[in-house]
Full PDB file with SEQRES, HELIX, SHEET, SSBOND, CRYST1, ORIGX, SCALE, CONECT and MASTER records, all heavy atoms in Angstrom:
SEQRES   1 A   44  ALA GLU TYR HIS ARG ILE ASN ALA MET VAL ASP GLY SER          
SEQRES   2 A   44  GLY LYS GLN VAL GLN PHE ASP PRO LYS GLY ILE ALA GLU          
SEQRES   3 A   44  ILE ALA LYS GLU HIS ASP GLN ALA ASN ASP PHE ILE GLN          
SEQRES   4 A   44  GLN MET TYR GLY ASN                                          
HELIX    1 AA1 PRO A   21  GLU A   30  1                                  10    
HELIX    2 AA2 ALA A   34  GLY A   43  1                                  10    
CRYST1    1.000    1.000    1.000  90.00  90.00  90.00 P 1           1          
ORIGX1      1.000000  0.000000  0.000000        0.00000                         
ORIGX2      0.000000  1.000000  0.000000        0.00000                         
ORIGX3      0.000000  0.000000  1.000000        0.00000                         
SCALE1      1.000000  0.000000  0.000000        0.00000                         
SCALE2      0.000000  1.000000  0.000000        0.00000                         
SCALE3      0.000000  0.000000  1.000000        0.00000                         
ATOM      1  N   ALA A   1      15.496  22.204   2.281  1.00  0.00           N  
ATOM      2  CA  ALA A   1      14.892  21.721   3.521  1.00  0.00           C  
ATOM      3  C   ALA A   1      15.472  20.360   3.878  1.00  0.00           C  
ATOM      4  O   ALA A   1      16.037  19.668   3.032  1.00  0.00           O  
ATOM      5  CB  ALA A   1      13.378  21.612   3.357  1.00  0.00           C  
ATOM      6  N   GLU A   2      15.340  19.973   5.149  1.00  0.00           N  
ATOM      7  CA  GLU A   2      15.754  18.630   5.555  1.00  0.00           C  
ATOM      8  C   GLU A   2      14.776  17.622   4.954  1.00  0.00           C  
ATOM      9  O   GLU A   2      13.564  17.782   5.064  1.00  0.00           O  
ATOM     10  CB  GLU A   2      15.784  18.510   7.072  1.00  0.00           C  
ATOM     11  CG  GLU A   2      16.331  17.183   7.564  1.00  0.00           C  
ATOM     12  CD  GLU A   2      16.548  17.127   9.060  1.00  0.00           C  
ATOM     13  OE1 GLU A   2      16.617  18.202   9.694  1.00  0.00           O  
ATOM     14  OE2 GLU A   2      16.639  16.009   9.604  1.00  0.00           O  
ATOM     15  N   TYR A   3      15.314  16.607   4.332  1.00  0.00           N  
ATOM     16  CA  TYR A   3      14.500  15.666   3.564  1.00  0.00           C  
ATOM     17  C   TYR A   3      14.339  14.355   4.323  1.00  0.00           C  
ATOM     18  O   TYR A   3      15.317  13.758   4.770  1.00  0.00           O  
ATOM     19  CB  TYR A   3      15.165  15.420   2.215  1.00  0.00           C  
ATOM     20  CG  TYR A   3      14.448  14.458   1.295  1.00  0.00           C  
ATOM     21  CD1 TYR A   3      13.223  14.793   0.720  1.00  0.00           C  
ATOM     22  CD2 TYR A   3      15.004  13.223   0.979  1.00  0.00           C  
ATOM     23  CE1 TYR A   3      12.575  13.920  -0.143  1.00  0.00           C  
ATOM     24  CE2 TYR A   3      14.370  12.344   0.121  1.00  0.00           C  
ATOM     25  CZ  TYR A   3      13.156  12.700  -0.437  1.00  0.00           C  
ATOM     26  OH  TYR A   3      12.521  11.828  -1.291  1.00  0.00           O  
ATOM     27  N   HIS A   4      13.097  13.896   4.475  1.00  0.00           N  
ATOM     28  CA  HIS A   4      12.782  12.635   5.145  1.00  0.00           C  
ATOM     29  C   HIS A   4      12.053  11.747   4.144  1.00  0.00           C  
ATOM     30  O   HIS A   4      10.937  12.063   3.739  1.00  0.00           O  
ATOM     31  CB  HIS A   4      11.878  12.862   6.358  1.00  0.00           C  
ATOM     32  CG  HIS A   4      12.358  13.901   7.314  1.00  0.00           C  
ATOM     33  ND1 HIS A   4      12.927  13.595   8.536  1.00  0.00           N  
ATOM     34  CD2 HIS A   4      12.338  15.264   7.240  1.00  0.00           C  
ATOM     35  CE1 HIS A   4      13.239  14.719   9.178  1.00  0.00           C  
ATOM     36  NE2 HIS A   4      12.893  15.742   8.406  1.00  0.00           N  
ATOM     37  N   ARG A   5      12.661  10.644   3.739  1.00  0.00           N  
ATOM     38  CA  ARG A   5      12.024   9.734   2.794  1.00  0.00           C  
ATOM     39  C   ARG A   5      11.752   8.418   3.500  1.00  0.00           C  
ATOM     40  O   ARG A   5      12.653   7.618   3.734  1.00  0.00           O  
ATOM     41  CB  ARG A   5      12.935   9.532   1.579  1.00  0.00           C  
ATOM     42  CG  ARG A   5      12.212   9.465   0.238  1.00  0.00           C  
ATOM     43  CD  ARG A   5      11.407   8.216   0.030  1.00  0.00           C  
ATOM     44  NE  ARG A   5      12.206   7.029   0.312  1.00  0.00           N  
ATOM     45  CZ  ARG A   5      11.727   5.949   0.885  1.00  0.00           C  
ATOM     46  NH1 ARG A   5      10.468   5.871   1.256  1.00  0.00           N  
ATOM     47  NH2 ARG A   5      12.519   4.920   1.119  1.00  0.00           N  
ATOM     48  N   ILE A   6      10.500   8.219   3.895  1.00  0.00           N  
ATOM     49  CA  ILE A   6      10.135   6.983   4.570  1.00  0.00           C  
ATOM     50  C   ILE A   6       8.706   6.622   4.180  1.00  0.00           C  
ATOM     51  O   ILE A   6       7.777   7.408   4.367  1.00  0.00           O  
ATOM     52  CB  ILE A   6      10.295   7.105   6.107  1.00  0.00           C  
ATOM     53  CG1 ILE A   6       9.832   5.832   6.812  1.00  0.00           C  
ATOM     54  CG2 ILE A   6       9.593   8.335   6.644  1.00  0.00           C  
ATOM     55  CD1 ILE A   6      10.222   5.796   8.284  1.00  0.00           C  
ATOM     56  N   ASN A   7       8.537   5.441   3.587  1.00  0.00           N  
ATOM     57  CA  ASN A   7       7.230   5.035   3.066  1.00  0.00           C  
ATOM     58  C   ASN A   7       6.224   4.870   4.197  1.00  0.00           C  
ATOM     59  O   ASN A   7       6.483   4.181   5.187  1.00  0.00           O  
ATOM     60  CB  ASN A   7       7.366   3.713   2.293  1.00  0.00           C  
ATOM     61  CG  ASN A   7       6.111   3.362   1.511  1.00  0.00           C  
ATOM     62  OD1 ASN A   7       5.172   4.137   1.439  1.00  0.00           O  
ATOM     63  ND2 ASN A   7       6.113   2.176   0.915  1.00  0.00           N  
ATOM     64  N   ALA A   8       5.069   5.496   4.036  1.00  0.00           N  
ATOM     65  CA  ALA A   8       4.031   5.391   5.056  1.00  0.00           C  
ATOM     66  C   ALA A   8       3.191   4.126   4.890  1.00  0.00           C  
ATOM     67  O   ALA A   8       2.401   3.796   5.772  1.00  0.00           O  
ATOM     68  CB  ALA A   8       3.119   6.617   4.999  1.00  0.00           C  
ATOM     69  N   MET A   9       3.357   3.422   3.782  1.00  0.00           N  
ATOM     70  CA  MET A   9       2.487   2.284   3.487  1.00  0.00           C  
ATOM     71  C   MET A   9       3.290   0.994   3.404  1.00  0.00           C  
ATOM     72  O   MET A   9       4.121   0.825   2.510  1.00  0.00           O  
ATOM     73  CB  MET A   9       1.750   2.509   2.165  1.00  0.00           C  
ATOM     74  CG  MET A   9       0.600   1.553   1.911  1.00  0.00           C  
ATOM     75  SD  MET A   9      -0.839   1.892   2.940  1.00  0.00           S  
ATOM     76  CE  MET A   9      -1.564   3.283   2.059  1.00  0.00           C  
ATOM     77  N   VAL A  10       3.066   0.095   4.353  1.00  0.00           N  
ATOM     78  CA  VAL A  10       3.695  -1.224   4.332  1.00  0.00           C  
ATOM     79  C   VAL A  10       2.622  -2.271   4.602  1.00  0.00           C  
ATOM     80  O   VAL A  10       1.590  -1.979   5.209  1.00  0.00           O  
ATOM     81  CB  VAL A  10       4.826  -1.352   5.382  1.00  0.00           C  
ATOM     82  CG1 VAL A  10       5.962  -0.379   5.070  1.00  0.00           C  
ATOM     83  CG2 VAL A  10       4.300  -1.098   6.799  1.00  0.00           C  
ATOM     84  N   ASP A  11       2.871  -3.515   4.134  1.00  0.00           N  
ATOM     85  CA  ASP A  11       1.904  -4.577   4.396  1.00  0.00           C  
ATOM     86  C   ASP A  11       2.203  -5.235   5.735  1.00  0.00           C  
ATOM     87  O   ASP A  11       3.064  -4.778   6.488  1.00  0.00           O  
ATOM     88  CB  ASP A  11       1.884  -5.590   3.250  1.00  0.00           C  
ATOM     89  CG  ASP A  11       3.227  -6.305   3.064  1.00  0.00           C  
ATOM     90  OD1 ASP A  11       4.048  -6.314   4.006  1.00  0.00           O  
ATOM     91  OD2 ASP A  11       3.448  -6.866   1.975  1.00  0.00           O  
ATOM     92  N   GLY A  12       1.495  -6.307   6.035  1.00  0.00           N  
ATOM     93  CA  GLY A  12       1.636  -6.945   7.339  1.00  0.00           C  
ATOM     94  C   GLY A  12       3.021  -7.491   7.626  1.00  0.00           C  
ATOM     95  O   GLY A  12       3.411  -7.633   8.783  1.00  0.00           O  
ATOM     96  N   SER A  13       3.785  -7.782   6.565  1.00  0.00           N  
ATOM     97  CA  SER A  13       5.136  -8.310   6.750  1.00  0.00           C  
ATOM     98  C   SER A  13       6.196  -7.212   6.790  1.00  0.00           C  
ATOM     99  O   SER A  13       7.377  -7.495   6.931  1.00  0.00           O  
ATOM    100  CB  SER A  13       5.467  -9.281   5.608  1.00  0.00           C  
ATOM    101  OG  SER A  13       5.541  -8.588   4.366  1.00  0.00           O  
ATOM    102  N   GLY A  14       5.766  -5.967   6.643  1.00  0.00           N  
ATOM    103  CA  GLY A  14       6.705  -4.850   6.646  1.00  0.00           C  
ATOM    104  C   GLY A  14       7.213  -4.488   5.267  1.00  0.00           C  
ATOM    105  O   GLY A  14       8.028  -3.583   5.123  1.00  0.00           O  
ATOM    106  N   LYS A  15       6.722  -5.174   4.229  1.00  0.00           N  
ATOM    107  CA  LYS A  15       7.141  -4.889   2.856  1.00  0.00           C  
ATOM    108  C   LYS A  15       6.522  -3.585   2.371  1.00  0.00           C  
ATOM    109  O   LYS A  15       5.344  -3.317   2.597  1.00  0.00           O  
ATOM    110  CB  LYS A  15       6.711  -6.030   1.938  1.00  0.00           C  
ATOM    111  CG  LYS A  15       7.103  -5.848   0.485  1.00  0.00           C  
ATOM    112  CD  LYS A  15       6.607  -7.014  -0.370  1.00  0.00           C  
ATOM    113  CE  LYS A  15       6.923  -6.812  -1.838  1.00  0.00           C  
ATOM    114  NZ  LYS A  15       6.389  -7.926  -2.669  1.00  0.00           N  
ATOM    115  N   GLN A  16       7.337  -2.770   1.689  1.00  0.00           N  
ATOM    116  CA  GLN A  16       6.845  -1.501   1.172  1.00  0.00           C  
ATOM    117  C   GLN A  16       5.803  -1.733   0.081  1.00  0.00           C  
ATOM    118  O   GLN A  16       5.949  -2.597  -0.772  1.00  0.00           O  
ATOM    119  CB  GLN A  16       7.992  -0.674   0.603  1.00  0.00           C  
ATOM    120  CG  GLN A  16       8.999  -0.215   1.649  1.00  0.00           C  
ATOM    121  CD  GLN A  16       9.963   0.799   1.073  1.00  0.00           C  
ATOM    122  OE1 GLN A  16       9.581   1.692   0.334  1.00  0.00           O  
ATOM    123  NE2 GLN A  16      11.229   0.669   1.430  1.00  0.00           N  
ATOM    124  N   VAL A  17       4.742  -0.942   0.141  1.00  0.00           N  
ATOM    125  CA  VAL A  17       3.669  -1.025  -0.839  1.00  0.00           C  
ATOM    126  C   VAL A  17       3.699   0.210  -1.717  1.00  0.00           C  
ATOM    127  O   VAL A  17       3.757   1.337  -1.219  1.00  0.00           O  
ATOM    128  CB  VAL A  17       2.290  -1.138  -0.147  1.00  0.00           C  
ATOM    129  CG1 VAL A  17       1.166  -1.131  -1.176  1.00  0.00           C  
ATOM    130  CG2 VAL A  17       2.233  -2.397   0.712  1.00  0.00           C  
ATOM    131  N   GLN A  18       3.686  -0.002  -3.046  1.00  0.00           N  
ATOM    132  CA  GLN A  18       3.558   1.119  -3.978  1.00  0.00           C  
ATOM    133  C   GLN A  18       2.074   1.515  -3.997  1.00  0.00           C  
ATOM    134  O   GLN A  18       1.251   0.769  -4.509  1.00  0.00           O  
ATOM    135  CB  GLN A  18       4.007   0.733  -5.391  1.00  0.00           C  
ATOM    136  CG  GLN A  18       5.500   0.892  -5.634  1.00  0.00           C  
ATOM    137  CD  GLN A  18       6.349  -0.044  -4.788  1.00  0.00           C  
ATOM    138  OE1 GLN A  18       7.024   0.400  -3.879  1.00  0.00           O  
ATOM    139  NE2 GLN A  18       6.312  -1.325  -5.066  1.00  0.00           N  
ATOM    140  N   PHE A  19       1.766   2.686  -3.473  1.00  0.00           N  
ATOM    141  CA  PHE A  19       0.363   3.077  -3.371  1.00  0.00           C  
ATOM    142  C   PHE A  19       0.070   4.306  -4.209  1.00  0.00           C  
ATOM    143  O   PHE A  19      -0.780   5.124  -3.880  1.00  0.00           O  
ATOM    144  CB  PHE A  19      -0.014   3.318  -1.905  1.00  0.00           C  
ATOM    145  CG  PHE A  19      -1.401   2.842  -1.563  1.00  0.00           C  
ATOM    146  CD1 PHE A  19      -1.709   1.496  -1.590  1.00  0.00           C  
ATOM    147  CD2 PHE A  19      -2.392   3.741  -1.206  1.00  0.00           C  
ATOM    148  CE1 PHE A  19      -2.984   1.048  -1.271  1.00  0.00           C  
ATOM    149  CE2 PHE A  19      -3.676   3.305  -0.890  1.00  0.00           C  
ATOM    150  CZ  PHE A  19      -3.970   1.959  -0.919  1.00  0.00           C  
ATOM    151  N   ASP A  20       0.804   4.442  -5.323  1.00  0.00           N  
ATOM    152  CA  ASP A  20       0.463   5.446  -6.314  1.00  0.00           C  
ATOM    153  C   ASP A  20      -0.718   4.905  -7.127  1.00  0.00           C  
ATOM    154  O   ASP A  20      -1.125   3.761  -6.949  1.00  0.00           O  
ATOM    155  CB  ASP A  20       1.672   5.724  -7.215  1.00  0.00           C  
ATOM    156  CG  ASP A  20       2.161   4.472  -7.936  1.00  0.00           C  
ATOM    157  OD1 ASP A  20       2.053   3.373  -7.357  1.00  0.00           O  
ATOM    158  OD2 ASP A  20       2.641   4.594  -9.057  1.00  0.00           O  
ATOM    159  N   PRO A  21      -1.324   5.711  -8.015  1.00  0.00           N  
ATOM    160  CA  PRO A  21      -2.460   5.207  -8.786  1.00  0.00           C  
ATOM    161  C   PRO A  21      -2.180   3.902  -9.519  1.00  0.00           C  
ATOM    162  O   PRO A  21      -3.026   3.003  -9.546  1.00  0.00           O  
ATOM    163  CB  PRO A  21      -2.742   6.359  -9.757  1.00  0.00           C  
ATOM    164  CG  PRO A  21      -2.351   7.583  -8.978  1.00  0.00           C  
ATOM    165  CD  PRO A  21      -1.119   7.164  -8.212  1.00  0.00           C  
ATOM    166  N   LYS A  22      -0.994   3.754 -10.093  1.00  0.00           N  
ATOM    167  CA  LYS A  22      -0.653   2.516 -10.795  1.00  0.00           C  
ATOM    168  C   LYS A  22      -0.596   1.350  -9.812  1.00  0.00           C  
ATOM    169  O   LYS A  22      -1.061   0.244 -10.102  1.00  0.00           O  
ATOM    170  CB  LYS A  22       0.687   2.670 -11.518  1.00  0.00           C  
ATOM    171  CG  LYS A  22       1.105   1.435 -12.305  1.00  0.00           C  
ATOM    172  CD  LYS A  22       2.434   1.665 -13.019  1.00  0.00           C  
ATOM    173  CE  LYS A  22       2.861   0.408 -13.765  1.00  0.00           C  
ATOM    174  NZ  LYS A  22       4.172   0.612 -14.449  1.00  0.00           N  
ATOM    175  N   GLY A  23      -0.002   1.612  -8.650  1.00  0.00           N  
ATOM    176  CA  GLY A  23       0.103   0.561  -7.648  1.00  0.00           C  
ATOM    177  C   GLY A  23      -1.247   0.110  -7.136  1.00  0.00           C  
ATOM    178  O   GLY A  23      -1.482  -1.081  -6.894  1.00  0.00           O  
ATOM    179  N   ILE A  24      -2.167   1.046  -6.965  1.00  0.00           N  
ATOM    180  CA  ILE A  24      -3.521   0.709  -6.521  1.00  0.00           C  
ATOM    181  C   ILE A  24      -4.201  -0.186  -7.556  1.00  0.00           C  
ATOM    182  O   ILE A  24      -4.882  -1.157  -7.218  1.00  0.00           O  
ATOM    183  CB  ILE A  24      -4.346   1.990  -6.274  1.00  0.00           C  
ATOM    184  CG1 ILE A  24      -3.750   2.778  -5.097  1.00  0.00           C  
ATOM    185  CG2 ILE A  24      -5.800   1.644  -5.974  1.00  0.00           C  
ATOM    186  CD1 ILE A  24      -4.388   4.132  -4.883  1.00  0.00           C  
ATOM    187  N   ALA A  25      -4.005   0.139  -8.834  1.00  0.00           N  
ATOM    188  CA  ALA A  25      -4.584  -0.679  -9.894  1.00  0.00           C  
ATOM    189  C   ALA A  25      -4.023  -2.101  -9.857  1.00  0.00           C  
ATOM    190  O   ALA A  25      -4.755  -3.075 -10.052  1.00  0.00           O  
ATOM    191  CB  ALA A  25      -4.315  -0.039 -11.249  1.00  0.00           C  
ATOM    192  N   GLU A  26      -2.717  -2.226  -9.596  1.00  0.00           N  
ATOM    193  CA  GLU A  26      -2.104  -3.549  -9.517  1.00  0.00           C  
ATOM    194  C   GLU A  26      -2.653  -4.337  -8.336  1.00  0.00           C  
ATOM    195  O   GLU A  26      -2.877  -5.545  -8.415  1.00  0.00           O  
ATOM    196  CB  GLU A  26      -0.579  -3.411  -9.408  1.00  0.00           C  
ATOM    197  CG  GLU A  26       0.086  -2.930 -10.677  1.00  0.00           C  
ATOM    198  CD  GLU A  26      -0.197  -3.846 -11.859  1.00  0.00           C  
ATOM    199  OE1 GLU A  26      -0.094  -5.078 -11.699  1.00  0.00           O  
ATOM    200  OE2 GLU A  26      -0.560  -3.328 -12.933  1.00  0.00           O  
ATOM    201  N   ILE A  27      -2.859  -3.650  -7.207  1.00  0.00           N  
ATOM    202  CA  ILE A  27      -3.428  -4.310  -6.040  1.00  0.00           C  
ATOM    203  C   ILE A  27      -4.809  -4.875  -6.372  1.00  0.00           C  
ATOM    204  O   ILE A  27      -5.149  -5.999  -6.016  1.00  0.00           O  
ATOM    205  CB  ILE A  27      -3.531  -3.312  -4.861  1.00  0.00           C  
ATOM    206  CG1 ILE A  27      -2.128  -3.009  -4.319  1.00  0.00           C  
ATOM    207  CG2 ILE A  27      -4.411  -3.862  -3.741  1.00  0.00           C  
ATOM    208  CD1 ILE A  27      -2.095  -1.856  -3.336  1.00  0.00           C  
ATOM    209  N   ALA A  28      -5.588  -4.080  -7.091  1.00  0.00           N  
ATOM    210  CA  ALA A  28      -6.936  -4.517  -7.456  1.00  0.00           C  
ATOM    211  C   ALA A  28      -6.893  -5.758  -8.336  1.00  0.00           C  
ATOM    212  O   ALA A  28      -7.769  -6.625  -8.261  1.00  0.00           O  
ATOM    213  CB  ALA A  28      -7.669  -3.382  -8.161  1.00  0.00           C  
ATOM    214  N   LYS A  29      -5.863  -5.874  -9.180  1.00  0.00           N  
ATOM    215  CA  LYS A  29      -5.741  -7.028 -10.064  1.00  0.00           C  
ATOM    216  C   LYS A  29      -5.278  -8.268  -9.303  1.00  0.00           C  
ATOM    217  O   LYS A  29      -5.743  -9.372  -9.546  1.00  0.00           O  
ATOM    218  CB  LYS A  29      -4.727  -6.738 -11.178  1.00  0.00           C  
ATOM    219  CG  LYS A  29      -5.187  -5.707 -12.200  1.00  0.00           C  
ATOM    220  CD  LYS A  29      -4.072  -5.474 -13.215  1.00  0.00           C  
ATOM    221  CE  LYS A  29      -4.436  -4.406 -14.231  1.00  0.00           C  
ATOM    222  NZ  LYS A  29      -3.324  -4.146 -15.169  1.00  0.00           N  
ATOM    223  N   GLU A  30      -4.349  -8.071  -8.380  1.00  0.00           N  
ATOM    224  CA  GLU A  30      -3.686  -9.197  -7.740  1.00  0.00           C  
ATOM    225  C   GLU A  30      -4.448  -9.757  -6.538  1.00  0.00           C  
ATOM    226  O   GLU A  30      -4.188 -10.868  -6.097  1.00  0.00           O  
ATOM    227  CB  GLU A  30      -2.286  -8.780  -7.288  1.00  0.00           C  
ATOM    228  CG  GLU A  30      -1.357  -8.426  -8.436  1.00  0.00           C  
ATOM    229  CD  GLU A  30      -0.024  -7.876  -7.971  1.00  0.00           C  
ATOM    230  OE1 GLU A  30       0.202  -7.874  -6.746  1.00  0.00           O  
ATOM    231  OE2 GLU A  30       0.766  -7.454  -8.816  1.00  0.00           O  
ATOM    232  N   HIS A  31      -5.349  -8.984  -5.979  1.00  0.00           N  
ATOM    233  CA  HIS A  31      -6.044  -9.411  -4.780  1.00  0.00           C  
ATOM    234  C   HIS A  31      -7.547  -9.514  -5.035  1.00  0.00           C  
ATOM    235  O   HIS A  31      -8.206  -8.525  -5.349  1.00  0.00           O  
ATOM    236  CB  HIS A  31      -5.791  -8.423  -3.628  1.00  0.00           C  
ATOM    237  CG  HIS A  31      -4.361  -8.376  -3.205  1.00  0.00           C  
ATOM    238  ND1 HIS A  31      -3.849  -9.151  -2.198  1.00  0.00           N  
ATOM    239  CD2 HIS A  31      -3.321  -7.643  -3.676  1.00  0.00           C  
ATOM    240  CE1 HIS A  31      -2.553  -8.904  -2.060  1.00  0.00           C  
ATOM    241  NE2 HIS A  31      -2.220  -8.003  -2.941  1.00  0.00           N  
ATOM    242  N   ASP A  32      -8.051 -10.741  -4.876  1.00  0.00           N  
ATOM    243  CA  ASP A  32      -9.486 -10.944  -5.057  1.00  0.00           C  
ATOM    244  C   ASP A  32     -10.269 -10.114  -4.053  1.00  0.00           C  
ATOM    245  O   ASP A  32     -11.360  -9.632  -4.334  1.00  0.00           O  
ATOM    246  CB  ASP A  32      -9.836 -12.429  -4.879  1.00  0.00           C  
ATOM    247  CG  ASP A  32      -9.263 -13.284  -5.987  1.00  0.00           C  
ATOM    248  OD1 ASP A  32      -9.049 -12.741  -7.091  1.00  0.00           O  
ATOM    249  OD2 ASP A  32      -9.027 -14.478  -5.744  1.00  0.00           O  
ATOM    250  N   GLN A  33      -9.705  -9.959  -2.882  1.00  0.00           N  
ATOM    251  CA  GLN A  33     -10.349  -9.167  -1.839  1.00  0.00           C  
ATOM    252  C   GLN A  33      -9.664  -7.803  -1.757  1.00  0.00           C  
ATOM    253  O   GLN A  33      -9.143  -7.400  -0.721  1.00  0.00           O  
ATOM    254  CB  GLN A  33     -10.275  -9.900  -0.491  1.00  0.00           C  
ATOM    255  CG  GLN A  33     -10.874 -11.290  -0.500  1.00  0.00           C  
ATOM    256  CD  GLN A  33     -12.363 -11.245  -0.785  1.00  0.00           C  
ATOM    257  OE1 GLN A  33     -13.053 -10.326  -0.380  1.00  0.00           O  
ATOM    258  NE2 GLN A  33     -12.859 -12.259  -1.488  1.00  0.00           N  
ATOM    259  N   ALA A  34      -9.683  -7.078  -2.883  1.00  0.00           N  
ATOM    260  CA  ALA A  34      -8.967  -5.799  -2.953  1.00  0.00           C  
ATOM    261  C   ALA A  34      -9.454  -4.813  -1.907  1.00  0.00           C  
ATOM    262  O   ALA A  34      -8.652  -4.107  -1.287  1.00  0.00           O  
ATOM    263  CB  ALA A  34      -9.120  -5.199  -4.350  1.00  0.00           C  
ATOM    264  N   ASN A  35     -10.758  -4.777  -1.680  1.00  0.00           N  
ATOM    265  CA  ASN A  35     -11.292  -3.849  -0.690  1.00  0.00           C  
ATOM    266  C   ASN A  35     -10.761  -4.162   0.699  1.00  0.00           C  
ATOM    267  O   ASN A  35     -10.410  -3.264   1.461  1.00  0.00           O  
ATOM    268  CB  ASN A  35     -12.824  -3.887  -0.685  1.00  0.00           C  
ATOM    269  CG  ASN A  35     -13.421  -3.209  -1.897  1.00  0.00           C  
ATOM    270  OD1 ASN A  35     -12.764  -2.415  -2.559  1.00  0.00           O  
ATOM    271  ND2 ASN A  35     -14.663  -3.528  -2.194  1.00  0.00           N  
ATOM    272  N   ASP A  36     -10.693  -5.466   1.033  1.00  0.00           N  
ATOM    273  CA  ASP A  36     -10.165  -5.859   2.340  1.00  0.00           C  
ATOM    274  C   ASP A  36      -8.698  -5.474   2.463  1.00  0.00           C  
ATOM    275  O   ASP A  36      -8.243  -5.045   3.532  1.00  0.00           O  
ATOM    276  CB  ASP A  36     -10.312  -7.364   2.543  1.00  0.00           C  
ATOM    277  CG  ASP A  36     -11.773  -7.777   2.711  1.00  0.00           C  
ATOM    278  OD1 ASP A  36     -12.603  -6.902   3.009  1.00  0.00           O  
ATOM    279  OD2 ASP A  36     -12.066  -8.971   2.534  1.00  0.00           O  
ATOM    280  N   PHE A  37      -7.955  -5.636   1.368  1.00  0.00           N  
ATOM    281  CA  PHE A  37      -6.526  -5.296   1.385  1.00  0.00           C  
ATOM    282  C   PHE A  37      -6.332  -3.801   1.606  1.00  0.00           C  
ATOM    283  O   PHE A  37      -5.502  -3.375   2.415  1.00  0.00           O  
ATOM    284  CB  PHE A  37      -5.877  -5.733   0.077  1.00  0.00           C  
ATOM    285  CG  PHE A  37      -4.394  -5.476   0.028  1.00  0.00           C  
ATOM    286  CD1 PHE A  37      -3.507  -6.342   0.631  1.00  0.00           C  
ATOM    287  CD2 PHE A  37      -3.885  -4.351  -0.615  1.00  0.00           C  
ATOM    288  CE1 PHE A  37      -2.136  -6.101   0.592  1.00  0.00           C  
ATOM    289  CE2 PHE A  37      -2.521  -4.104  -0.660  1.00  0.00           C  
ATOM    290  CZ  PHE A  37      -1.644  -4.987  -0.057  1.00  0.00           C  
ATOM    291  N   ILE A  38      -7.100  -2.996   0.886  1.00  0.00           N  
ATOM    292  CA  ILE A  38      -6.975  -1.547   1.023  1.00  0.00           C  
ATOM    293  C   ILE A  38      -7.393  -1.106   2.420  1.00  0.00           C  
ATOM    294  O   ILE A  38      -6.762  -0.231   3.023  1.00  0.00           O  
ATOM    295  CB  ILE A  38      -7.804  -0.837  -0.069  1.00  0.00           C  
ATOM    296  CG1 ILE A  38      -7.146  -1.075  -1.433  1.00  0.00           C  
ATOM    297  CG2 ILE A  38      -7.915   0.664   0.205  1.00  0.00           C  
ATOM    298  CD1 ILE A  38      -7.945  -0.551  -2.607  1.00  0.00           C  
ATOM    299  N   GLN A  39      -8.434  -1.739   2.966  1.00  0.00           N  
ATOM    300  CA  GLN A  39      -8.832  -1.418   4.336  1.00  0.00           C  
ATOM    301  C   GLN A  39      -7.716  -1.754   5.309  1.00  0.00           C  
ATOM    302  O   GLN A  39      -7.469  -1.014   6.269  1.00  0.00           O  
ATOM    303  CB  GLN A  39     -10.106  -2.179   4.708  1.00  0.00           C  
ATOM    304  CG  GLN A  39     -11.378  -1.559   4.154  1.00  0.00           C  
ATOM    305  CD  GLN A  39     -12.626  -2.159   4.754  1.00  0.00           C  
ATOM    306  OE1 GLN A  39     -12.595  -3.215   5.376  1.00  0.00           O  
ATOM    307  NE2 GLN A  39     -13.742  -1.480   4.575  1.00  0.00           N  
ATOM    308  N   GLN A  40      -7.035  -2.873   5.067  1.00  0.00           N  
ATOM    309  CA  GLN A  40      -5.917  -3.240   5.930  1.00  0.00           C  
ATOM    310  C   GLN A  40      -4.830  -2.172   5.887  1.00  0.00           C  
ATOM    311  O   GLN A  40      -4.282  -1.788   6.914  1.00  0.00           O  
ATOM    312  CB  GLN A  40      -5.328  -4.588   5.504  1.00  0.00           C  
ATOM    313  CG  GLN A  40      -4.123  -5.017   6.348  1.00  0.00           C  
ATOM    314  CD  GLN A  40      -3.428  -6.255   5.779  1.00  0.00           C  
ATOM    315  OE1 GLN A  40      -3.878  -6.846   4.801  1.00  0.00           O  
ATOM    316  NE2 GLN A  40      -2.329  -6.634   6.392  1.00  0.00           N  
ATOM    317  N   MET A  41      -4.551  -1.672   4.679  1.00  0.00           N  
ATOM    318  CA  MET A  41      -3.538  -0.632   4.542  1.00  0.00           C  
ATOM    319  C   MET A  41      -3.937   0.633   5.310  1.00  0.00           C  
ATOM    320  O   MET A  41      -3.138   1.238   6.015  1.00  0.00           O  
ATOM    321  CB  MET A  41      -3.313  -0.294   3.061  1.00  0.00           C  
ATOM    322  CG  MET A  41      -2.736  -1.406   2.210  1.00  0.00           C  
ATOM    323  SD  MET A  41      -1.074  -1.937   2.735  1.00  0.00           S  
ATOM    324  CE  MET A  41      -1.472  -3.401   3.701  1.00  0.00           C  
ATOM    325  N   TYR A  42      -5.186   1.032   5.151  1.00  0.00           N  
ATOM    326  CA  TYR A  42      -5.661   2.229   5.846  1.00  0.00           C  
ATOM    327  C   TYR A  42      -5.756   2.004   7.352  1.00  0.00           C  
ATOM    328  O   TYR A  42      -5.621   2.950   8.134  1.00  0.00           O  
ATOM    329  CB  TYR A  42      -7.013   2.673   5.270  1.00  0.00           C  
ATOM    330  CG  TYR A  42      -6.863   3.614   4.111  1.00  0.00           C  
ATOM    331  CD1 TYR A  42      -6.741   3.143   2.799  1.00  0.00           C  
ATOM    332  CD2 TYR A  42      -6.807   4.987   4.310  1.00  0.00           C  
ATOM    333  CE1 TYR A  42      -6.596   4.002   1.733  1.00  0.00           C  
ATOM    334  CE2 TYR A  42      -6.659   5.856   3.246  1.00  0.00           C  
ATOM    335  CZ  TYR A  42      -6.550   5.360   1.964  1.00  0.00           C  
ATOM    336  OH  TYR A  42      -6.387   6.220   0.908  1.00  0.00           O  
ATOM    337  N   GLY A  43      -5.992   0.771   7.749  1.00  0.00           N  
ATOM    338  CA  GLY A  43      -5.997   0.469   9.173  1.00  0.00           C  
ATOM    339  C   GLY A  43      -4.608   0.570   9.781  1.00  0.00           C  
ATOM    340  O   GLY A  43      -4.461   0.908  10.960  1.00  0.00           O  
ATOM    341  N   ASN A  44      -3.575   0.285   8.978  1.00  0.00           N  
ATOM    342  CA  ASN A  44      -2.194   0.352   9.458  1.00  0.00           C  
ATOM    343  C   ASN A  44      -1.614   1.769   9.437  1.00  0.00           C  
ATOM    344  O   ASN A  44      -0.709   2.098  10.225  1.00  0.00           O  
ATOM    345  CB  ASN A  44      -1.293  -0.543   8.604  1.00  0.00           C  
ATOM    346  CG  ASN A  44      -1.571  -2.016   8.798  1.00  0.00           C  
ATOM    347  OD1 ASN A  44      -2.104  -2.428   9.829  1.00  0.00           O  
ATOM    348  ND2 ASN A  44      -1.211  -2.839   7.812  1.00  0.00           N  
TER     349      ASN A  44                                                      
MASTER        0    0    0    2    0    0    0    6  348    1    0    4          
END                                                                             
């Protein structure tokens, strides 16, 4: 099949976000406001 590889998840600066289970765990560690960060991702 024709292959399209383009990350659906980027932060406000356009940086790619690893949003696999491991990446989500890292986000929770690095951001005091993890819920707000995840909401921002889902809002984008």
